[in-house]
Amino acid sequence: DSRAPRNGAFIETIGYYNPLTDPPTIKVDEERIRLWLQRGAQPTEAVT
């Protein structure tokens, strides 16, 4: 929910990002992202 704090309550985890590895590790569940985008979820600039 956009009103929840950054590290507060969330609905679902759909991936992770580790900037400390070389190259940075990005793993996402594409199917779940598609589903949430269809439902109207808006990604933040960083996620985009």
All heavy atoms as atom14 arrays in JSON, in Angstrom:
{
  "sequence": "DSRAPRNGAFIETIGYYNPLTDPPTIKVDEERIRLWLQRGAQPTEAVT",
  "atom14_mask": [
    [1, 1, 1, 1, 1, 1, 1, 1, 0, 0, 0, 0, 0, 0],
    [1, 1, 1, 1, 1, 1, 0, 0, 0, 0, 0, 0, 0, 0],
    [1, 1, 1, 1, 1, 1, 1, 1, 1, 1, 1, 0, 0, 0],
    [1, 1, 1, 1, 1, 0, 0, 0, 0, 0, 0, 0, 0, 0],
    [1, 1, 1, 1, 1, 1, 1, 0, 0, 0, 0, 0, 0, 0],
    [1, 1, 1, 1, 1, 1, 1, 1, 1, 1, 1, 0, 0, 0],
    [1, 1, 1, 1, 1, 1, 1, 1, 0, 0, 0, 0, 0, 0],
    [1, 1, 1, 1, 0, 0, 0, 0, 0, 0, 0, 0, 0, 0],
    [1, 1, 1, 1, 1, 0, 0, 0, 0, 0, 0, 0, 0, 0],
    [1, 1, 1, 1, 1, 1, 1, 1, 1, 1, 1, 0, 0, 0],
    [1, 1, 1, 1, 1, 1, 1, 1, 0, 0, 0, 0, 0, 0],
    [1, 1, 1, 1, 1, 1, 1, 1, 1, 0, 0, 0, 0, 0],
    [1, 1, 1, 1, 1, 1, 1, 0, 0, 0, 0, 0, 0, 0],
    [1, 1, 1, 1, 1, 1, 1, 1, 0, 0, 0, 0, 0, 0],
    [1, 1, 1, 1, 0, 0, 0, 0, 0, 0, 0, 0, 0, 0],
    [1, 1, 1, 1, 1, 1, 1, 1, 1, 1, 1, 1, 0, 0],
    [1, 1, 1, 1, 1, 1, 1, 1, 1, 1, 1, 1, 0, 0],
    [1, 1, 1, 1, 1, 1, 1, 1, 0, 0, 0, 0, 0, 0],
    [1, 1, 1, 1, 1, 1, 1, 0, 0, 0, 0, 0, 0, 0],
    [1, 1, 1, 1, 1, 1, 1, 1, 0, 0, 0, 0, 0, 0],
    [1, 1, 1, 1, 1, 1, 1, 0, 0, 0, 0, 0, 0, 0],
    [1, 1, 1, 1, 1, 1, 1, 1, 0, 0, 0, 0, 0, 0],
    [1, 1, 1, 1, 1, 1, 1, 0, 0, 0, 0, 0, 0, 0],
    [1, 1, 1, 1, 1, 1, 1, 0, 0, 0, 0, 0, 0, 0],
    [1, 1, 1, 1, 1, 1, 1, 0, 0, 0, 0, 0, 0, 0],
    [1, 1, 1, 1, 1, 1, 1, 1, 0, 0, 0, 0, 0, 0],
    [1, 1, 1, 1, 1, 1, 1, 1, 1, 0, 0, 0, 0, 0],
    [1, 1, 1, 1, 1, 1, 1, 0, 0, 0, 0, 0, 0, 0],
    [1, 1, 1, 1, 1, 1, 1, 1, 0, 0, 0, 0, 0, 0],
    [1, 1, 1, 1, 1, 1, 1, 1, 1, 0, 0, 0, 0, 0],
    [1, 1, 1, 1, 1, 1, 1, 1, 1, 0, 0, 0, 0, 0],
    [1, 1, 1, 1, 1, 1, 1, 1, 1, 1, 1, 0, 0, 0],
    [1, 1, 1, 1, 1, 1, 1, 1, 0, 0, 0, 0, 0, 0],
    [1, 1, 1, 1, 1, 1, 1, 1, 1, 1, 1, 0, 0, 0],
    [1, 1, 1, 1, 1, 1, 1, 1, 0, 0, 0, 0, 0, 0],
    [1, 1, 1, 1, 1, 1, 1, 1, 1, 1, 1, 1, 1, 1],
    [1, 1, 1, 1, 1, 1, 1, 1, 0, 0, 0, 0, 0, 0],
    [1, 1, 1, 1, 1, 1, 1, 1, 1, 0, 0, 0, 0, 0],
    [1, 1, 1, 1, 1, 1, 1, 1, 1, 1, 1, 0, 0, 0],
    [1, 1, 1, 1, 0, 0, 0, 0, 0, 0, 0, 0, 0, 0],
    [1, 1, 1, 1, 1, 0, 0, 0, 0, 0, 0, 0, 0, 0],
    [1, 1, 1, 1, 1, 1, 1, 1, 1, 0, 0, 0, 0, 0],
    [1, 1, 1, 1, 1, 1, 1, 0, 0, 0, 0, 0, 0, 0],
    [1, 1, 1, 1, 1, 1, 1, 0, 0, 0, 0, 0, 0, 0],
    [1, 1, 1, 1, 1, 1, 1, 1, 1, 0, 0, 0, 0, 0],
    [1, 1, 1, 1, 1, 0, 0, 0, 0, 0, 0, 0, 0, 0],
    [1, 1, 1, 1, 1, 1, 1, 0, 0, 0, 0, 0, 0, 0],
    [1, 1, 1, 1, 1, 1, 1, 0, 0, 0, 0, 0, 0, 0]
  ],
  "atom14_positions": [
    [[0.87, -1.17, 0.0], [0.0, 0.0, 0.0], [0.92, 1.23, 0.0], [1.88, 1.28, 0.75], [-0.88, -0.04, 1.25], [-1.88, 1.11, 1.31], [-1.72, 2.11, 0.58], [-2.84, 1.0, 2.09], [0.0, 0.0, 0.0], [0.0, 0.0, 0.0], [0.0, 0.0, 0.0], [0.0, 0.0, 0.0], [0.0, 0.0, 0.0], [0.0, 0.0, 0.0]],
    [[0.6, 2.19, -0.82], [1.49, 3.35, -0.94], [1.56, 4.17, 0.35], [2.49, 4.93, 0.55], [1.03, 4.25, -2.09], [-0.26, 4.76, -1.83], [0.0, 0.0, 0.0], [0.0, 0.0, 0.0], [0.0, 0.0, 0.0], [0.0, 0.0, 0.0], [0.0, 0.0, 0.0], [0.0, 0.0, 0.0], [0.0, 0.0, 0.0], [0.0, 0.0, 0.0]],
    [[0.6, 4.0, 1.23], [0.59, 4.75, 2.49], [1.42, 4.09, 3.58], [1.7, 4.7, 4.61], [-0.84, 4.94, 2.97], [-1.68, 5.76, 1.97], [-3.13, 5.69, 2.29], [-3.6, 4.33, 2.02], [-4.86, 3.96, 1.98], [-5.81, 4.84, 2.21], [-5.21, 2.72, 1.72], [0.0, 0.0, 0.0], [0.0, 0.0, 0.0], [0.0, 0.0, 0.0]],
    [[1.83, 2.83, 3.37], [2.62, 2.11, 4.38], [4.06, 2.63, 4.38], [4.57, 3.06, 3.35], [2.61, 0.61, 4.08], [0.0, 0.0, 0.0], [0.0, 0.0, 0.0], [0.0, 0.0, 0.0], [0.0, 0.0, 0.0], [0.0, 0.0, 0.0], [0.0, 0.0, 0.0], [0.0, 0.0, 0.0], [0.0, 0.0, 0.0], [0.0, 0.0, 0.0]],
    [[4.75, 2.58, 5.52], [6.15, 3.02, 5.56], [7.06, 2.12, 4.71], [6.68, 0.98, 4.38], [6.53, 2.91, 7.03], [5.38, 2.34, 7.75], [4.25, 2.17, 6.81], [0.0, 0.0, 0.0], [0.0, 0.0, 0.0], [0.0, 0.0, 0.0], [0.0, 0.0, 0.0], [0.0, 0.0, 0.0], [0.0, 0.0, 0.0], [0.0, 0.0, 0.0]],
    [[8.24, 2.62, 4.38], [9.16, 1.9, 3.49], [9.4, 0.46, 3.92], [9.36, -0.45, 3.1], [10.51, 2.64, 3.44], [11.53, 1.93, 2.56], [12.91, 2.5, 2.7], [13.45, 2.16, 4.01], [14.63, 2.54, 4.43], [15.38, 3.3, 3.68], [15.06, 2.18, 5.63], [0.0, 0.0, 0.0], [0.0, 0.0, 0.0], [0.0, 0.0, 0.0]],
    [[9.67, 0.24, 5.18], [9.93, -1.11, 5.68], [8.75, -1.65, 6.48], [8.9, -2.56, 7.27], [11.2, -1.14, 6.53], [12.44, -0.91, 5.7], [12.43, -1.14, 4.49], [13.49, -0.44, 6.32], [0.0, 0.0, 0.0], [0.0, 0.0, 0.0], [0.0, 0.0, 0.0], [0.0, 0.0, 0.0], [0.0, 0.0, 0.0], [0.0, 0.0, 0.0]],
    [[7.58, -1.1, 6.23], [6.39, -1.52, 6.96], [5.67, -2.68, 6.29], [6.28, -3.5, 5.6], [0.0, 0.0, 0.0], [0.0, 0.0, 0.0], [0.0, 0.0, 0.0], [0.0, 0.0, 0.0], [0.0, 0.0, 0.0], [0.0, 0.0, 0.0], [0.0, 0.0, 0.0], [0.0, 0.0, 0.0], [0.0, 0.0, 0.0], [0.0, 0.0, 0.0]],
    [[4.37, -2.72, 6.51], [3.54, -3.8, 5.99], [3.57, -3.84, 4.47], [3.63, -2.82, 3.8], [2.11, -3.62, 6.48], [0.0, 0.0, 0.0], [0.0, 0.0, 0.0], [0.0, 0.0, 0.0], [0.0, 0.0, 0.0], [0.0, 0.0, 0.0], [0.0, 0.0, 0.0], [0.0, 0.0, 0.0], [0.0, 0.0, 0.0], [0.0, 0.0, 0.0]],
    [[3.54, -5.06, 3.93], [3.5, -5.23, 2.48], [2.59, -6.4, 2.15], [2.26, -7.22, 3.01], [4.9, -5.43, 1.9], [5.61, -6.65, 2.4], [5.56, -7.83, 1.7], [6.35, -6.6, 3.57], [6.22, -8.96, 2.16], [7.02, -7.71, 4.04], [6.95, -8.9, 3.33], [0.0, 0.0, 0.0], [0.0, 0.0, 0.0], [0.0, 0.0, 0.0]],
    [[2.2, -6.48, 0.89], [1.26, -7.51, 0.46], [2.0, -8.77, 0.02], [1.65, -9.88, 0.41], [0.37, -6.98, -0.68], [-0.41, -5.76, -0.2], [-0.56, -8.06, -1.2], [-1.08, -4.96, -1.28], [0.0, 0.0, 0.0], [0.0, 0.0, 0.0], [0.0, 0.0, 0.0], [0.0, 0.0, 0.0], [0.0, 0.0, 0.0], [0.0, 0.0, 0.0]],
    [[3.04, -8.59, -0.8], [3.74, -9.74, -1.37], [5.16, -9.35, -1.77], [5.4, -8.25, -2.23], [2.97, -10.22, -2.61], [3.6, -11.39, -3.31], [2.83, -11.83, -4.54], [1.88, -11.14, -4.96], [3.21, -12.86, -5.1], [0.0, 0.0, 0.0], [0.0, 0.0, 0.0], [0.0, 0.0, 0.0], [0.0, 0.0, 0.0], [0.0, 0.0, 0.0]],
    [[6.1, -10.29, -1.63], [7.48, -10.12, -2.1], [7.56, -10.72, -3.5], [7.17, -11.87, -3.7], [8.48, -10.83, -1.17], [8.35, -10.28, 0.14], [9.9, -10.64, -1.66], [0.0, 0.0, 0.0], [0.0, 0.0, 0.0], [0.0, 0.0, 0.0], [0.0, 0.0, 0.0], [0.0, 0.0, 0.0], [0.0, 0.0, 0.0], [0.0, 0.0, 0.0]],
    [[8.06, -9.95, -4.47], [8.11, -10.45, -5.85], [9.52, -10.47, -6.43], [9.69, -10.7, -7.62], [7.17, -9.64, -6.76], [7.46, -8.15, -6.69], [5.72, -9.92, -6.41], [6.64, -7.31, -7.62], [0.0, 0.0, 0.0], [0.0, 0.0, 0.0], [0.0, 0.0, 0.0], [0.0, 0.0, 0.0], [0.0, 0.0, 0.0], [0.0, 0.0, 0.0]],
    [[10.52, -10.23, -5.6], [11.89, -10.3, -6.08], [12.86, -9.67, -5.09], [12.47, -9.29, -3.99], [0.0, 0.0, 0.0], [0.0, 0.0, 0.0], [0.0, 0.0, 0.0], [0.0, 0.0, 0.0], [0.0, 0.0, 0.0], [0.0, 0.0, 0.0], [0.0, 0.0, 0.0], [0.0, 0.0, 0.0], [0.0, 0.0, 0.0], [0.0, 0.0, 0.0]],
    [[14.13, -9.61, -5.5], [15.12, -8.95, -4.66], [16.2, -8.31, -5.51], [16.35, -8.6, -6.7], [15.74, -9.92, -3.65], [16.51, -11.08, -4.24], [17.84, -10.94, -4.61], [15.91, -12.32, -4.42], [18.55, -12.01, -5.15], [16.61, -13.38, -4.95], [17.94, -13.22, -5.31], [18.64, -14.26, -5.86], [0.0, 0.0, 0.0], [0.0, 0.0, 0.0]],
    [[16.95, -7.39, -4.89], [18.01, -6.64, -5.55], [19.15, -6.48, -4.56], [18.96, -6.05, -3.44], [17.48, -5.27, -5.98], [18.53, -4.27, -6.38], [19.41, -4.53, -7.43], [18.63, -3.05, -5.73], [20.35, -3.6, -7.81], [19.57, -2.11, -6.11], [20.43, -2.39, -7.14], [21.38, -1.48, -7.52], [0.0, 0.0, 0.0], [0.0, 0.0, 0.0]],
    [[20.36, -6.9, -4.98], [21.55, -6.75, -4.13], [22.57, -5.9, -4.89], [23.22, -6.39, -5.81], [22.14, -8.11, -3.78], [23.28, -8.0, -2.8], [23.74, -6.91, -2.49], [23.73, -9.13, -2.3], [0.0, 0.0, 0.0], [0.0, 0.0, 0.0], [0.0, 0.0, 0.0], [0.0, 0.0, 0.0], [0.0, 0.0, 0.0], [0.0, 0.0, 0.0]],
    [[22.73, -4.63, -4.52], [23.65, -3.75, -5.23], [25.12, -3.99, -4.9], [25.99, -3.45, -5.57], [23.22, -2.36, -4.78], [22.65, -2.58, -3.42], [21.99, -3.93, -3.47], [0.0, 0.0, 0.0], [0.0, 0.0, 0.0], [0.0, 0.0, 0.0], [0.0, 0.0, 0.0], [0.0, 0.0, 0.0], [0.0, 0.0, 0.0], [0.0, 0.0, 0.0]],
    [[25.42, -4.79, -3.89], [26.8, -4.98, -3.45], [27.55, -6.03, -4.26], [28.78, -6.08, -4.21], [26.85, -5.33, -1.96], [26.26, -4.28, -1.03], [26.34, -4.74, 0.4], [26.95, -2.95, -1.21], [0.0, 0.0, 0.0], [0.0, 0.0, 0.0], [0.0, 0.0, 0.0], [0.0, 0.0, 0.0], [0.0, 0.0, 0.0], [0.0, 0.0, 0.0]],
    [[26.85, -6.9, -4.97], [27.54, -7.9, -5.78], [28.04, -7.25, -7.06], [27.6, -6.17, -7.44], [26.6, -9.08, -6.12], [25.47, -8.58, -6.84], [26.15, -9.8, -4.87], [0.0, 0.0, 0.0], [0.0, 0.0, 0.0], [0.0, 0.0, 0.0], [0.0, 0.0, 0.0], [0.0, 0.0, 0.0], [0.0, 0.0, 0.0], [0.0, 0.0, 0.0]],
    [[28.97, -7.9, -7.73], [29.49, -7.35, -8.98], [29.3, -8.37, -10.09], [29.99, -9.4, -10.09], [30.98, -7.01, -8.83], [31.51, -6.24, -10.02], [30.7, -5.54, -10.67], [32.71, -6.35, -10.3], [0.0, 0.0, 0.0], [0.0, 0.0, 0.0], [0.0, 0.0, 0.0], [0.0, 0.0, 0.0], [0.0, 0.0, 0.0], [0.0, 0.0, 0.0]],
    [[28.4, -8.2, -11.01], [27.43, -7.1, -11.16], [26.28, -7.24, -10.16], [26.08, -8.32, -9.59], [26.9, -7.29, -12.59], [27.01, -8.75, -12.83], [28.25, -9.2, -12.08], [0.0, 0.0, 0.0], [0.0, 0.0, 0.0], [0.0, 0.0, 0.0], [0.0, 0.0, 0.0], [0.0, 0.0, 0.0], [0.0, 0.0, 0.0], [0.0, 0.0, 0.0]],
    [[25.54, -6.15, -9.95], [24.42, -6.21, -9.0], [23.43, -7.31, -9.36], [23.14, -7.54, -10.53], [23.77, -4.83, -9.13], [24.88, -3.95, -9.6], [25.72, -4.81, -10.49], [0.0, 0.0, 0.0], [0.0, 0.0, 0.0], [0.0, 0.0, 0.0], [0.0, 0.0, 0.0], [0.0, 0.0, 0.0], [0.0, 0.0, 0.0], [0.0, 0.0, 0.0]],
    [[22.92, -8.0, -8.35], [21.98, -9.1, -8.55], [20.55, -8.57, -8.54], [20.16, -7.88, -7.6], [22.13, -10.14, -7.42], [23.48, -10.53, -7.34], [21.25, -11.34, -7.65], [0.0, 0.0, 0.0], [0.0, 0.0, 0.0], [0.0, 0.0, 0.0], [0.0, 0.0, 0.0], [0.0, 0.0, 0.0], [0.0, 0.0, 0.0], [0.0, 0.0, 0.0]],
    [[19.81, -8.92, -9.58], [18.4, -8.55, -9.65], [17.63, -9.82, -10.01], [17.88, -10.42, -11.05], [18.13, -7.48, -10.73], [18.98, -6.25, -10.51], [16.65, -7.13, -10.77], [18.98, -5.28, -11.66], [0.0, 0.0, 0.0], [0.0, 0.0, 0.0], [0.0, 0.0, 0.0], [0.0, 0.0, 0.0], [0.0, 0.0, 0.0], [0.0, 0.0, 0.0]],
    [[16.7, -10.21, -9.15], [15.87, -11.38, -9.44], [14.42, -10.98, -9.23], [14.07, -10.45, -8.18], [16.21, -12.54, -8.51], [15.4, -13.79, -8.83], [15.81, -14.94, -7.94], [15.07, -16.21, -8.28], [13.64, -16.13, -8.14], [0.0, 0.0, 0.0], [0.0, 0.0, 0.0], [0.0, 0.0, 0.0], [0.0, 0.0, 0.0], [0.0, 0.0, 0.0]],
    [[13.6, -11.19, -10.26], [12.19, -10.83, -10.17], [11.32, -11.96, -10.7], [11.74, -12.74, -11.55], [11.87, -9.53, -10.95], [12.58, -8.35, -10.35], [12.23, -9.68, -12.41], [0.0, 0.0, 0.0], [0.0, 0.0, 0.0], [0.0, 0.0, 0.0], [0.0, 0.0, 0.0], [0.0, 0.0, 0.0], [0.0, 0.0, 0.0], [0.0, 0.0, 0.0]],
    [[10.11, -12.04, -10.18], [9.12, -12.99, -10.65], [8.27, -12.25, -11.69], [7.34, -11.52, -11.34], [8.26, -13.48, -9.48], [7.29, -14.57, -9.88], [7.05, -14.76, -11.08], [6.75, -15.23, -8.97], [0.0, 0.0, 0.0], [0.0, 0.0, 0.0], [0.0, 0.0, 0.0], [0.0, 0.0, 0.0], [0.0, 0.0, 0.0], [0.0, 0.0, 0.0]],
    [[8.62, -12.43, -12.97], [7.96, -11.68, -14.05], [6.45, -11.9, -14.09], [5.69, -10.98, -14.34], [8.57, -12.05, -15.4], [10.01, -11.63, -15.53], [10.61, -12.07, -16.85], [9.87, -12.18, -17.85], [11.83, -12.32, -16.88], [0.0, 0.0, 0.0], [0.0, 0.0, 0.0], [0.0, 0.0, 0.0], [0.0, 0.0, 0.0], [0.0, 0.0, 0.0]],
    [[6.04, -13.12, -13.84], [4.61, -13.44, -13.88], [3.84, -12.63, -12.83], [2.78, -12.07, -13.1], [4.43, -14.93, -13.63], [3.01, -15.41, -13.77], [2.92, -16.91, -13.57], [3.78, -17.65, -14.09], [1.97, -17.33, -12.88], [0.0, 0.0, 0.0], [0.0, 0.0, 0.0], [0.0, 0.0, 0.0], [0.0, 0.0, 0.0], [0.0, 0.0, 0.0]],
    [[4.39, -12.55, -11.62], [3.72, -11.8, -10.55], [3.74, -10.3, -10.83], [2.78, -9.6, -10.53], [4.38, -12.08, -9.2], [4.29, -13.52, -8.74], [2.88, -14.05, -8.64], [2.11, -13.37, -7.61], [0.82, -13.56, -7.4], [0.14, -14.4, -8.13], [0.2, -12.89, -6.44], [0.0, 0.0, 0.0], [0.0, 0.0, 0.0], [0.0, 0.0, 0.0]],
    [[4.84, -9.81, -11.42], [4.9, -8.39, -11.77], [3.82, -8.07, -12.79], [3.11, -7.07, -12.67], [6.29, -7.99, -12.28], [7.27, -7.97, -11.11], [6.25, -6.64, -12.97], [8.67, -7.61, -11.48], [0.0, 0.0, 0.0], [0.0, 0.0, 0.0], [0.0, 0.0, 0.0], [0.0, 0.0, 0.0], [0.0, 0.0, 0.0], [0.0, 0.0, 0.0]],
    [[3.69, -8.91, -13.82], [2.63, -8.71, -14.83], [1.26, -8.66, -14.17], [0.44, -7.8, -14.48], [2.66, -9.82, -15.87], [3.73, -9.68, -16.87], [3.53, -10.65, -18.01], [4.74, -10.71, -18.79], [5.63, -11.69, -18.72], [5.42, -12.72, -17.94], [6.72, -11.66, -19.45], [0.0, 0.0, 0.0], [0.0, 0.0, 0.0], [0.0, 0.0, 0.0]],
    [[1.01, -9.6, -13.26], [-0.27, -9.67, -12.58], [-0.56, -8.38, -11.82], [-1.64, -7.8, -11.94], [-0.31, -10.86, -11.62], [-1.58, -10.97, -10.77], [-2.71, -11.51, -11.62], [-1.33, -11.84, -9.57], [0.0, 0.0, 0.0], [0.0, 0.0, 0.0], [0.0, 0.0, 0.0], [0.0, 0.0, 0.0], [0.0, 0.0, 0.0], [0.0, 0.0, 0.0]],
    [[0.42, -7.9, -11.06], [0.2, -6.69, -10.26], [0.07, -5.45, -11.14], [-0.71, -4.55, -10.82], [1.3, -6.53, -9.22], [1.07, -7.42, -8.05], [1.74, -8.56, -7.72], [0.04, -7.28, -7.07], [1.2, -9.14, -6.6], [0.15, -8.36, -6.17], [-0.96, -6.34, -6.85], [-0.7, -8.53, -5.09], [-1.81, -6.51, -5.76], [-1.67, -7.59, -4.9]],
    [[0.79, -5.4, -12.25], [0.64, -4.26, -13.16], [-0.77, -4.27, -13.78], [-1.37, -3.21, -13.95], [1.71, -4.29, -14.25], [3.12, -3.97, -13.77], [4.12, -4.19, -14.9], [3.22, -2.56, -13.22], [0.0, 0.0, 0.0], [0.0, 0.0, 0.0], [0.0, 0.0, 0.0], [0.0, 0.0, 0.0], [0.0, 0.0, 0.0], [0.0, 0.0, 0.0]],
    [[-1.27, -5.45, -14.1], [-2.64, -5.55, -14.62], [-3.65, -5.07, -13.6], [-4.66, -4.46, -13.95], [-2.98, -7.0, -14.96], [-2.44, -7.48, -16.27], [-2.83, -8.92, -16.52], [-3.16, -9.66, -15.6], [-2.77, -9.32, -17.77], [0.0, 0.0, 0.0], [0.0, 0.0, 0.0], [0.0, 0.0, 0.0], [0.0, 0.0, 0.0], [0.0, 0.0, 0.0]],
    [[-3.38, -5.34, -12.34], [-4.29, -4.93, -11.27], [-4.16, -3.45, -10.93], [-4.87, -2.95, -10.06], [-4.03, -5.74, -10.01], [-4.41, -7.18, -10.15], [-4.13, -7.92, -8.87], [-4.55, -9.31, -8.95], [-4.38, -10.19, -7.97], [-3.8, -9.82, -6.84], [-4.77, -11.42, -8.12], [0.0, 0.0, 0.0], [0.0, 0.0, 0.0], [0.0, 0.0, 0.0]],
    [[-3.23, -2.75, -11.57], [-3.12, -1.31, -11.37], [-2.0, -0.86, -10.45], [-1.93, 0.32, -10.11], [0.0, 0.0, 0.0], [0.0, 0.0, 0.0], [0.0, 0.0, 0.0], [0.0, 0.0, 0.0], [0.0, 0.0, 0.0], [0.0, 0.0, 0.0], [0.0, 0.0, 0.0], [0.0, 0.0, 0.0], [0.0, 0.0, 0.0], [0.0, 0.0, 0.0]],
    [[-1.12, -1.76, -10.05], [0.0, -1.36, -9.19], [0.97, -0.49, -9.99], [1.23, -0.75, -11.16], [0.74, -2.59, -8.66], [0.0, 0.0, 0.0], [0.0, 0.0, 0.0], [0.0, 0.0, 0.0], [0.0, 0.0, 0.0], [0.0, 0.0, 0.0], [0.0, 0.0, 0.0], [0.0, 0.0, 0.0], [0.0, 0.0, 0.0], [0.0, 0.0, 0.0]],
    [[1.48, 0.54, -9.36], [2.42, 1.46, -10.01], [3.82, 1.25, -9.46], [4.02, 1.35, -8.26], [2.0, 2.91, -9.74], [0.67, 3.29, -10.35], [0.73, 3.25, -11.86], [1.68, 3.75, -12.47], [-0.27, 2.66, -12.47], [0.0, 0.0, 0.0], [0.0, 0.0, 0.0], [0.0, 0.0, 0.0], [0.0, 0.0, 0.0], [0.0, 0.0, 0.0]],
    [[4.82, 0.95, -10.32], [6.19, 0.81, -9.82], [6.79, 2.18, -9.52], [6.47, 3.17, -10.17], [6.93, 0.13, -10.97], [6.12, 0.44, -12.18], [4.7, 0.63, -11.72], [0.0, 0.0, 0.0], [0.0, 0.0, 0.0], [0.0, 0.0, 0.0], [0.0, 0.0, 0.0], [0.0, 0.0, 0.0], [0.0, 0.0, 0.0], [0.0, 0.0, 0.0]],
    [[7.65, 2.23, -8.51], [8.35, 3.47, -8.2], [9.42, 3.69, -9.27], [9.71, 2.81, -10.08], [9.02, 3.39, -6.82], [9.96, 2.32, -6.83], [8.0, 3.2, -5.72], [0.0, 0.0, 0.0], [0.0, 0.0, 0.0], [0.0, 0.0, 0.0], [0.0, 0.0, 0.0], [0.0, 0.0, 0.0], [0.0, 0.0, 0.0], [0.0, 0.0, 0.0]],
    [[10.03, 4.87, -9.27], [11.08, 5.18, -10.26], [12.24, 4.2, -10.14], [12.78, 3.73, -11.15], [11.59, 6.6, -10.06], [10.6, 7.66, -10.49], [11.18, 9.06, -10.31], [12.41, 9.24, -10.45], [10.38, 9.97, -10.03], [0.0, 0.0, 0.0], [0.0, 0.0, 0.0], [0.0, 0.0, 0.0], [0.0, 0.0, 0.0], [0.0, 0.0, 0.0]],
    [[12.65, 3.89, -8.91], [13.78, 2.97, -8.71], [13.46, 1.58, -9.26], [14.3, 0.95, -9.91], [14.11, 2.88, -7.22], [0.0, 0.0, 0.0], [0.0, 0.0, 0.0], [0.0, 0.0, 0.0], [0.0, 0.0, 0.0], [0.0, 0.0, 0.0], [0.0, 0.0, 0.0], [0.0, 0.0, 0.0], [0.0, 0.0, 0.0], [0.0, 0.0, 0.0]],
    [[12.26, 1.1, -9.02], [11.87, -0.22, -9.51], [11.79, -0.22, -11.03], [12.23, -1.17, -11.69], [10.52, -0.67, -8.88], [10.0, -1.92, -9.56], [10.7, -0.9, -7.39], [0.0, 0.0, 0.0], [0.0, 0.0, 0.0], [0.0, 0.0, 0.0], [0.0, 0.0, 0.0], [0.0, 0.0, 0.0], [0.0, 0.0, 0.0], [0.0, 0.0, 0.0]],
    [[11.28, 0.85, -11.61], [11.21, 0.96, -13.07], [12.61, 0.87, -13.67], [12.83, 0.15, -14.65], [10.53, 2.29, -13.48], [9.23, 2.33, -12.9], [10.42, 2.39, -14.98], [0.0, 0.0, 0.0], [0.0, 0.0, 0.0], [0.0, 0.0, 0.0], [0.0, 0.0, 0.0], [0.0, 0.0, 0.0], [0.0, 0.0, 0.0], [0.0, 0.0, 0.0]]
  ]
}
